[in-house]
Structures are given as structure tokens and as C-alpha cells.
Amino acid sequence: GQVISERASRIADRYDREADLVIDVHD
């Protein structure tokens, strides 16, 4: 879950779309 969240957040940041990202992961 941590790996997925960190990677997804980094990509969202690259597109300046942090507010569009919905993370629903279990660790």
C-alpha cells in the first residue's frame, strides 16, 4: 500500500492533479 500510494501521488503531482487522486489501498 505504501509503495502504491507513494508512486501514485508522485504521478498525480507531475500532472498537477493531486486533488483528482483517490487512493484506497490496504497495506
PDB file of all heavy atoms in Angstrom:
ATOM      1  N   GLY A   1       0.812  -1.219   0.000  1.00  0.00           N
ATOM      2  CA  GLY A   1       0.000   0.000   0.000  1.00  0.00           C
ATOM      3  C   GLY A   1       0.838   1.259   0.000  1.00  0.00           C
ATOM      4  O   GLY A   1       0.517   2.232  -0.689  1.00  0.00           O
ATOM      5  N   GLN A   2       1.920   1.236   0.746  1.00  0.00           N
ATOM      6  CA  GLN A   2       2.801   2.403   0.814  1.00  0.00           C
ATOM      7  C   GLN A   2       3.464   2.650  -0.541  1.00  0.00           C
ATOM      8  O   GLN A   2       3.517   3.787  -1.005  1.00  0.00           O
ATOM      9  CB  GLN A   2       3.863   2.191   1.892  1.00  0.00           C
ATOM     10  CG  GLN A   2       4.817   3.345   2.028  1.00  0.00           C
ATOM     11  CD  GLN A   2       5.861   3.094   3.109  1.00  0.00           C
ATOM     12  OE1 GLN A   2       5.694   2.232   3.966  1.00  0.00           O
ATOM     13  NE2 GLN A   2       6.938   3.851   3.051  1.00  0.00           N
ATOM     14  N   VAL A   3       3.970   1.597  -1.177  1.00  0.00           N
ATOM     15  CA  VAL A   3       4.610   1.741  -2.490  1.00  0.00           C
ATOM     16  C   VAL A   3       3.608   2.298  -3.500  1.00  0.00           C
ATOM     17  O   VAL A   3       3.908   3.245  -4.236  1.00  0.00           O
ATOM     18  CB  VAL A   3       5.181   0.389  -2.990  1.00  0.00           C
ATOM     19  CG1 VAL A   3       5.661   0.493  -4.433  1.00  0.00           C
ATOM     20  CG2 VAL A   3       6.314  -0.075  -2.083  1.00  0.00           C
ATOM     21  N   ILE A   4       2.416   1.731  -3.511  1.00  0.00           N
ATOM     22  CA  ILE A   4       1.391   2.168  -4.465  1.00  0.00           C
ATOM     23  C   ILE A   4       1.013   3.628  -4.212  1.00  0.00           C
ATOM     24  O   ILE A   4       0.946   4.435  -5.151  1.00  0.00           O
ATOM     25  CB  ILE A   4       0.155   1.252  -4.385  1.00  0.00           C
ATOM     26  CG1 ILE A   4       0.509  -0.148  -4.897  1.00  0.00           C
ATOM     27  CG2 ILE A   4      -1.015   1.840  -5.167  1.00  0.00           C
ATOM     28  CD1 ILE A   4      -0.551  -1.191  -4.621  1.00  0.00           C
ATOM     29  N   SER A   5       0.774   3.986  -2.957  1.00  0.00           N
ATOM     30  CA  SER A   5       0.384   5.360  -2.618  1.00  0.00           C
ATOM     31  C   SER A   5       1.456   6.370  -3.003  1.00  0.00           C
ATOM     32  O   SER A   5       1.153   7.414  -3.584  1.00  0.00           O
ATOM     33  CB  SER A   5       0.098   5.470  -1.117  1.00  0.00           C
ATOM     34  OG  SER A   5      -0.998   4.685  -0.758  1.00  0.00           O
ATOM     35  N   GLU A   6       2.706   6.053  -2.677  1.00  0.00           N
ATOM     36  CA  GLU A   6       3.798   6.981  -2.995  1.00  0.00           C
ATOM     37  C   GLU A   6       3.957   7.160  -4.497  1.00  0.00           C
ATOM     38  O   GLU A   6       4.120   8.283  -4.979  1.00  0.00           O
ATOM     39  CB  GLU A   6       5.108   6.490  -2.376  1.00  0.00           C
ATOM     40  CG  GLU A   6       5.152   6.647  -0.874  1.00  0.00           C
ATOM     41  CD  GLU A   6       6.378   6.016  -0.236  1.00  0.00           C
ATOM     42  OE1 GLU A   6       7.222   5.435  -0.963  1.00  0.00           O
ATOM     43  OE2 GLU A   6       6.485   6.096   1.004  1.00  0.00           O
ATOM     44  N   ARG A   7       3.904   6.061  -5.250  1.00  0.00           N
ATOM     45  CA  ARG A   7       4.061   6.151  -6.702  1.00  0.00           C
ATOM     46  C   ARG A   7       2.902   6.908  -7.349  1.00  0.00           C
ATOM     47  O   ARG A   7       3.100   7.747  -8.206  1.00  0.00           O
ATOM     48  CB  ARG A   7       4.189   4.759  -7.318  1.00  0.00           C
ATOM     49  CG  ARG A   7       5.439   3.999  -6.935  1.00  0.00           C
ATOM     50  CD  ARG A   7       6.689   4.667  -7.506  1.00  0.00           C
ATOM     51  NE  ARG A   7       7.842   3.838  -7.332  1.00  0.00           N
ATOM     52  CZ  ARG A   7       8.550   3.294  -8.325  1.00  0.00           C
ATOM     53  NH1 ARG A   7       8.232   3.495  -9.576  1.00  0.00           N
ATOM     54  NH2 ARG A   7       9.597   2.548  -8.046  1.00  0.00           N
ATOM     55  N   ALA A   8       1.677   6.599  -6.926  1.00  0.00           N
ATOM     56  CA  ALA A   8       0.501   7.267  -7.495  1.00  0.00           C
ATOM     57  C   ALA A   8       0.535   8.766  -7.174  1.00  0.00           C
ATOM     58  O   ALA A   8       0.229   9.600  -8.045  1.00  0.00           O
ATOM     59  CB  ALA A   8      -0.775   6.619  -6.973  1.00  0.00           C
ATOM     60  N   SER A   9       0.912   9.123  -5.960  1.00  0.00           N
ATOM     61  CA  SER A   9       0.986  10.530  -5.569  1.00  0.00           C
ATOM     62  C   SER A   9       2.027  11.280  -6.380  1.00  0.00           C
ATOM     63  O   SER A   9       1.811  12.429  -6.781  1.00  0.00           O
ATOM     64  CB  SER A   9       1.302  10.651  -4.078  1.00  0.00           C
ATOM     65  OG  SER A   9       0.235  10.137  -3.316  1.00  0.00           O
ATOM     66  N   ARG A  10       3.145  10.632  -6.636  1.00  0.00           N
ATOM     67  CA  ARG A  10       4.206  11.259  -7.434  1.00  0.00           C
ATOM     68  C   ARG A  10       3.717  11.551  -8.859  1.00  0.00           C
ATOM     69  O   ARG A  10       3.982  12.621  -9.404  1.00  0.00           O
ATOM     70  CB  ARG A  10       5.435  10.349  -7.469  1.00  0.00           C
ATOM     71  CG  ARG A  10       6.659  11.026  -8.025  1.00  0.00           C
ATOM     72  CD  ARG A  10       7.906  10.165  -7.938  1.00  0.00           C
ATOM     73  NE  ARG A  10       8.049   9.528  -6.644  1.00  0.00           N
ATOM     74  CZ  ARG A  10       8.525   8.311  -6.446  1.00  0.00           C
ATOM     75  NH1 ARG A  10       8.920   7.582  -7.475  1.00  0.00           N
ATOM     76  NH2 ARG A  10       8.636   7.792  -5.257  1.00  0.00           N
ATOM     77  N   ILE A  11       2.979  10.611  -9.432  1.00  0.00           N
ATOM     78  CA  ILE A  11       2.460  10.808 -10.797  1.00  0.00           C
ATOM     79  C   ILE A  11       1.410  11.924 -10.785  1.00  0.00           C
ATOM     80  O   ILE A  11       1.416  12.795 -11.658  1.00  0.00           O
ATOM     81  CB  ILE A  11       1.856   9.506 -11.363  1.00  0.00           C
ATOM     82  CG1 ILE A  11       2.901   8.384 -11.416  1.00  0.00           C
ATOM     83  CG2 ILE A  11       1.229   9.748 -12.735  1.00  0.00           C
ATOM     84  CD1 ILE A  11       4.029   8.587 -12.381  1.00  0.00           C
ATOM     85  N   ALA A  12       0.510  11.921  -9.811  1.00  0.00           N
ATOM     86  CA  ALA A  12      -0.516  12.973  -9.711  1.00  0.00           C
ATOM     87  C   ALA A  12       0.138  14.344  -9.598  1.00  0.00           C
ATOM     88  O   ALA A  12      -0.302  15.309 -10.244  1.00  0.00           O
ATOM     89  CB  ALA A  12      -1.422  12.703  -8.516  1.00  0.00           C
ATOM     90  N   ASP A  13       1.196  14.429  -8.807  1.00  0.00           N
ATOM     91  CA  ASP A  13       1.928  15.682  -8.646  1.00  0.00           C
ATOM     92  C   ASP A  13       2.532  16.130  -9.983  1.00  0.00           C
ATOM     93  O   ASP A  13       2.497  17.318 -10.320  1.00  0.00           O
ATOM     94  CB  ASP A  13       3.020  15.502  -7.584  1.00  0.00           C
ATOM     95  CG  ASP A  13       3.774  16.772  -7.320  1.00  0.00           C
ATOM     96  OD1 ASP A  13       3.133  17.785  -6.957  1.00  0.00           O
ATOM     97  OD2 ASP A  13       5.022  16.768  -7.474  1.00  0.00           O
ATOM     98  N   ARG A  14       3.064  15.198 -10.740  1.00  0.00           N
ATOM     99  CA  ARG A  14       3.668  15.516 -12.033  1.00  0.00           C
ATOM    100  C   ARG A  14       2.641  16.141 -12.987  1.00  0.00           C
ATOM    101  O   ARG A  14       2.963  17.003 -13.783  1.00  0.00           O
ATOM    102  CB  ARG A  14       4.264  14.257 -12.666  1.00  0.00           C
ATOM    103  CG  ARG A  14       5.019  14.547 -13.941  1.00  0.00           C
ATOM    104  CD  ARG A  14       5.649  13.330 -14.595  1.00  0.00           C
ATOM    105  NE  ARG A  14       6.234  12.405 -13.668  1.00  0.00           N
ATOM    106  CZ  ARG A  14       6.220  11.073 -13.837  1.00  0.00           C
ATOM    107  NH1 ARG A  14       5.636  10.549 -14.894  1.00  0.00           N
ATOM    108  NH2 ARG A  14       6.772  10.282 -12.961  1.00  0.00           N
ATOM    109  N   TYR A  15       1.393  15.708 -12.880  1.00  0.00           N
ATOM    110  CA  TYR A  15       0.322  16.243 -13.731  1.00  0.00           C
ATOM    111  C   TYR A  15      -0.404  17.420 -13.067  1.00  0.00           C
ATOM    112  O   TYR A  15      -1.375  17.924 -13.613  1.00  0.00           O
ATOM    113  CB  TYR A  15      -0.693  15.141 -14.068  1.00  0.00           C
ATOM    114  CG  TYR A  15      -0.203  14.220 -15.146  1.00  0.00           C
ATOM    115  CD1 TYR A  15       0.527  13.075 -14.837  1.00  0.00           C
ATOM    116  CD2 TYR A  15      -0.457  14.492 -16.490  1.00  0.00           C
ATOM    117  CE1 TYR A  15       0.987  12.226 -15.827  1.00  0.00           C
ATOM    118  CE2 TYR A  15      -0.003  13.647 -17.488  1.00  0.00           C
ATOM    119  CZ  TYR A  15       0.719  12.514 -17.147  1.00  0.00           C
ATOM    120  OH  TYR A  15       1.181  11.673 -18.136  1.00  0.00           O
ATOM    121  N   ASP A  16       0.060  17.841 -11.876  1.00  0.00           N
ATOM    122  CA  ASP A  16      -0.584  18.893 -11.100  1.00  0.00           C
ATOM    123  C   ASP A  16      -2.056  18.559 -10.861  1.00  0.00           C
ATOM    124  O   ASP A  16      -2.933  19.397 -11.024  1.00  0.00           O
ATOM    125  CB  ASP A  16      -0.433  20.254 -11.798  1.00  0.00           C
ATOM    126  CG  ASP A  16      -0.785  21.414 -10.871  1.00  0.00           C
ATOM    127  OD1 ASP A  16      -0.630  21.264  -9.643  1.00  0.00           O
ATOM    128  OD2 ASP A  16      -1.260  22.452 -11.378  1.00  0.00           O
ATOM    129  N   ARG A  17      -2.298  17.287 -10.474  1.00  0.00           N
ATOM    130  CA  ARG A  17      -3.663  16.810 -10.265  1.00  0.00           C
ATOM    131  C   ARG A  17      -3.800  16.050  -8.948  1.00  0.00           C
ATOM    132  O   ARG A  17      -4.551  15.087  -8.846  1.00  0.00           O
ATOM    133  CB  ARG A  17      -4.096  15.922 -11.436  1.00  0.00           C
ATOM    134  CG  ARG A  17      -4.226  16.704 -12.738  1.00  0.00           C
ATOM    135  CD  ARG A  17      -4.730  15.884 -13.871  1.00  0.00           C
ATOM    136  NE  ARG A  17      -6.005  15.244 -13.575  1.00  0.00           N
ATOM    137  CZ  ARG A  17      -6.525  14.292 -14.357  1.00  0.00           C
ATOM    138  NH1 ARG A  17      -5.914  13.907 -15.453  1.00  0.00           N
ATOM    139  NH2 ARG A  17      -7.681  13.744 -14.042  1.00  0.00           N
ATOM    140  N   GLU A  18      -3.114  16.520  -7.919  1.00  0.00           N
ATOM    141  CA  GLU A  18      -3.162  15.858  -6.622  1.00  0.00           C
ATOM    142  C   GLU A  18      -4.598  15.742  -6.108  1.00  0.00           C
ATOM    143  O   GLU A  18      -4.966  14.741  -5.498  1.00  0.00           O
ATOM    144  CB  GLU A  18      -2.312  16.606  -5.589  1.00  0.00           C
ATOM    145  CG  GLU A  18      -0.841  16.701  -5.941  1.00  0.00           C
ATOM    146  CD  GLU A  18      -0.496  17.955  -6.742  1.00  0.00           C
ATOM    147  OE1 GLU A  18      -1.412  18.603  -7.311  1.00  0.00           O
ATOM    148  OE2 GLU A  18       0.686  18.286  -6.817  1.00  0.00           O
ATOM    149  N   ALA A  19      -5.423  16.768  -6.373  1.00  0.00           N
ATOM    150  CA  ALA A  19      -6.806  16.755  -5.882  1.00  0.00           C
ATOM    151  C   ALA A  19      -7.668  15.725  -6.604  1.00  0.00           C
ATOM    152  O   ALA A  19      -8.712  15.320  -6.082  1.00  0.00           O
ATOM    153  CB  ALA A  19      -7.423  18.143  -6.043  1.00  0.00           C
ATOM    154  N   ASP A  20      -7.248  15.277  -7.784  1.00  0.00           N
ATOM    155  CA  ASP A  20      -8.013  14.293  -8.547  1.00  0.00           C
ATOM    156  C   ASP A  20      -7.723  12.858  -8.121  1.00  0.00           C
ATOM    157  O   ASP A  20      -8.472  11.951  -8.470  1.00  0.00           O
ATOM    158  CB  ASP A  20      -7.707  14.413 -10.055  1.00  0.00           C
ATOM    159  CG  ASP A  20      -8.165  15.735 -10.639  1.00  0.00           C
ATOM    160  OD1 ASP A  20      -8.990  16.422 -10.019  1.00  0.00           O
ATOM    161  OD2 ASP A  20      -7.677  16.074 -11.743  1.00  0.00           O
ATOM    162  N   LEU A  21      -6.644  12.644  -7.370  1.00  0.00           N
ATOM    163  CA  LEU A  21      -6.229  11.298  -6.999  1.00  0.00           C
ATOM    164  C   LEU A  21      -7.016  10.796  -5.789  1.00  0.00           C
ATOM    165  O   LEU A  21      -7.079  11.454  -4.747  1.00  0.00           O
ATOM    166  CB  LEU A  21      -4.728  11.274  -6.680  1.00  0.00           C
ATOM    167  CG  LEU A  21      -4.149   9.926  -6.273  1.00  0.00           C
ATOM    168  CD1 LEU A  21      -4.288   8.901  -7.401  1.00  0.00           C
ATOM    169  CD2 LEU A  21      -2.679  10.100  -5.887  1.00  0.00           C
ATOM    170  N   VAL A  22      -7.620   9.635  -5.936  1.00  0.00           N
ATOM    171  CA  VAL A  22      -8.327   8.969  -4.847  1.00  0.00           C
ATOM    172  C   VAL A  22      -7.578   7.671  -4.567  1.00  0.00           C
ATOM    173  O   VAL A  22      -7.499   6.794  -5.435  1.00  0.00           O
ATOM    174  CB  VAL A  22      -9.793   8.655  -5.236  1.00  0.00           C
ATOM    175  CG1 VAL A  22     -10.495   7.918  -4.101  1.00  0.00           C
ATOM    176  CG2 VAL A  22     -10.533   9.925  -5.622  1.00  0.00           C
ATOM    177  N   ILE A  23      -6.998   7.566  -3.384  1.00  0.00           N
ATOM    178  CA  ILE A  23      -6.229   6.369  -3.014  1.00  0.00           C
ATOM    179  C   ILE A  23      -7.024   5.565  -2.003  1.00  0.00           C
ATOM    180  O   ILE A  23      -7.426   6.085  -0.963  1.00  0.00           O
ATOM    181  CB  ILE A  23      -4.847   6.739  -2.455  1.00  0.00           C
ATOM    182  CG1 ILE A  23      -4.019   7.461  -3.518  1.00  0.00           C
ATOM    183  CG2 ILE A  23      -4.127   5.498  -1.953  1.00  0.00           C
ATOM    184  CD1 ILE A  23      -2.657   7.905  -3.053  1.00  0.00           C
ATOM    185  N   ASP A  24      -7.242   4.299  -2.323  1.00  0.00           N
ATOM    186  CA  ASP A  24      -7.995   3.388  -1.464  1.00  0.00           C
ATOM    187  C   ASP A  24      -7.223   2.065  -1.432  1.00  0.00           C
ATOM    188  O   ASP A  24      -7.556   1.124  -2.140  1.00  0.00           O
ATOM    189  CB  ASP A  24      -9.408   3.201  -2.038  1.00  0.00           C
ATOM    190  CG  ASP A  24     -10.258   2.261  -1.211  1.00  0.00           C
ATOM    191  OD1 ASP A  24      -9.898   1.988  -0.048  1.00  0.00           O
ATOM    192  OD2 ASP A  24     -11.287   1.785  -1.736  1.00  0.00           O
ATOM    193  N   VAL A  25      -6.156   2.044  -0.631  1.00  0.00           N
ATOM    194  CA  VAL A  25      -5.284   0.872  -0.612  1.00  0.00           C
ATOM    195  C   VAL A  25      -5.134   0.334   0.805  1.00  0.00           C
ATOM    196  O   VAL A  25      -5.233   1.074   1.777  1.00  0.00           O
ATOM    197  CB  VAL A  25      -3.878   1.186  -1.199  1.00  0.00           C
ATOM    198  CG1 VAL A  25      -3.973   1.608  -2.643  1.00  0.00           C
ATOM    199  CG2 VAL A  25      -3.162   2.254  -0.391  1.00  0.00           C
ATOM    200  N   HIS A  26      -4.916  -0.954   0.893  1.00  0.00           N
ATOM    201  CA  HIS A  26      -4.574  -1.607   2.147  1.00  0.00           C
ATOM    202  C   HIS A  26      -3.080  -1.901   2.101  1.00  0.00           C
ATOM    203  O   HIS A  26      -2.524  -2.148   1.041  1.00  0.00           O
ATOM    204  CB  HIS A  26      -5.355  -2.898   2.318  1.00  0.00           C
ATOM    205  CG  HIS A  26      -6.821  -2.668   2.523  1.00  0.00           C
ATOM    206  ND1 HIS A  26      -7.714  -3.687   2.633  1.00  0.00           N
ATOM    207  CD2 HIS A  26      -7.549  -1.538   2.664  1.00  0.00           C
ATOM    208  CE1 HIS A  26      -8.921  -3.200   2.819  1.00  0.00           C
ATOM    209  NE2 HIS A  26      -8.846  -1.900   2.832  1.00  0.00           N
ATOM    210  N   ASP A  27      -2.448  -1.900   3.249  1.00  0.00           N
ATOM    211  CA  ASP A  27      -1.013  -2.145   3.315  1.00  0.00           C
ATOM    212  C   ASP A  27      -0.774  -3.568   3.821  1.00  0.00           C
ATOM    213  O   ASP A  27      -1.327  -3.968   4.851  1.00  0.00           O
ATOM    214  CB  ASP A  27      -0.349  -1.132   4.239  1.00  0.00           C
ATOM    215  CG  ASP A  27       1.107  -0.908   3.898  1.00  0.00           C
ATOM    216  OD1 ASP A  27       1.523  -1.254   2.776  1.00  0.00           O
ATOM    217  OD2 ASP A  27       1.843  -0.372   4.753  1.00  0.00           O
TER     218      ASP A  27
END
